């Protein structure tokens, strides 16, 4: 690989946000953080002053992007509920009600097929080892793949249904207003 190819590509994962301003680097770090982290640790990872990190983390807390845990020391973590809310809002904004309904139907059909195939109400109710051993067509890897897809389909259906409800509610308010 030539030097120009490397320069044109994405930055290394460890430095993914190095060229961004401090706010963007802190935001990017929060996106990657999966457990409560101190402002000092975040400041170290984005190469800024801890006071600056606290300032932006306080702002992100006010916006709901992070959850602040008071203690000694105070820690912050990504607020997954905020990102779920954003995803649903974006779906509602980007898709007409009919498209959202179609997607809910498609996902419901897929989920119903898994319920029938595994004779279970949810992926958690399936004994993957028994299902893989008791079938000539499916290996245990196939079963795990099905269970992951089933769980994802359930989550996506919930998101699309919530977006449909939000979109429908918004259209009703516009019609009556």
Foldseek 3Di string as FASTA:
>chain_A
DDPVVQVPDQDPPLCRCLVPPLLVQLLVVQVVDDDWDQLVVSCVSNVHDSVVSVVSQVVCVVVVQWPWDVDVHITIHGRVVVVLVVLLQVLLVPDDLVVLVVLLVVLVVLLVVVCVLQVDNALVPHPLCCSQVVDPVHHSVNSVVSRVVNVVSVVVSVSSVSSSVVNVVVVVVVVVD
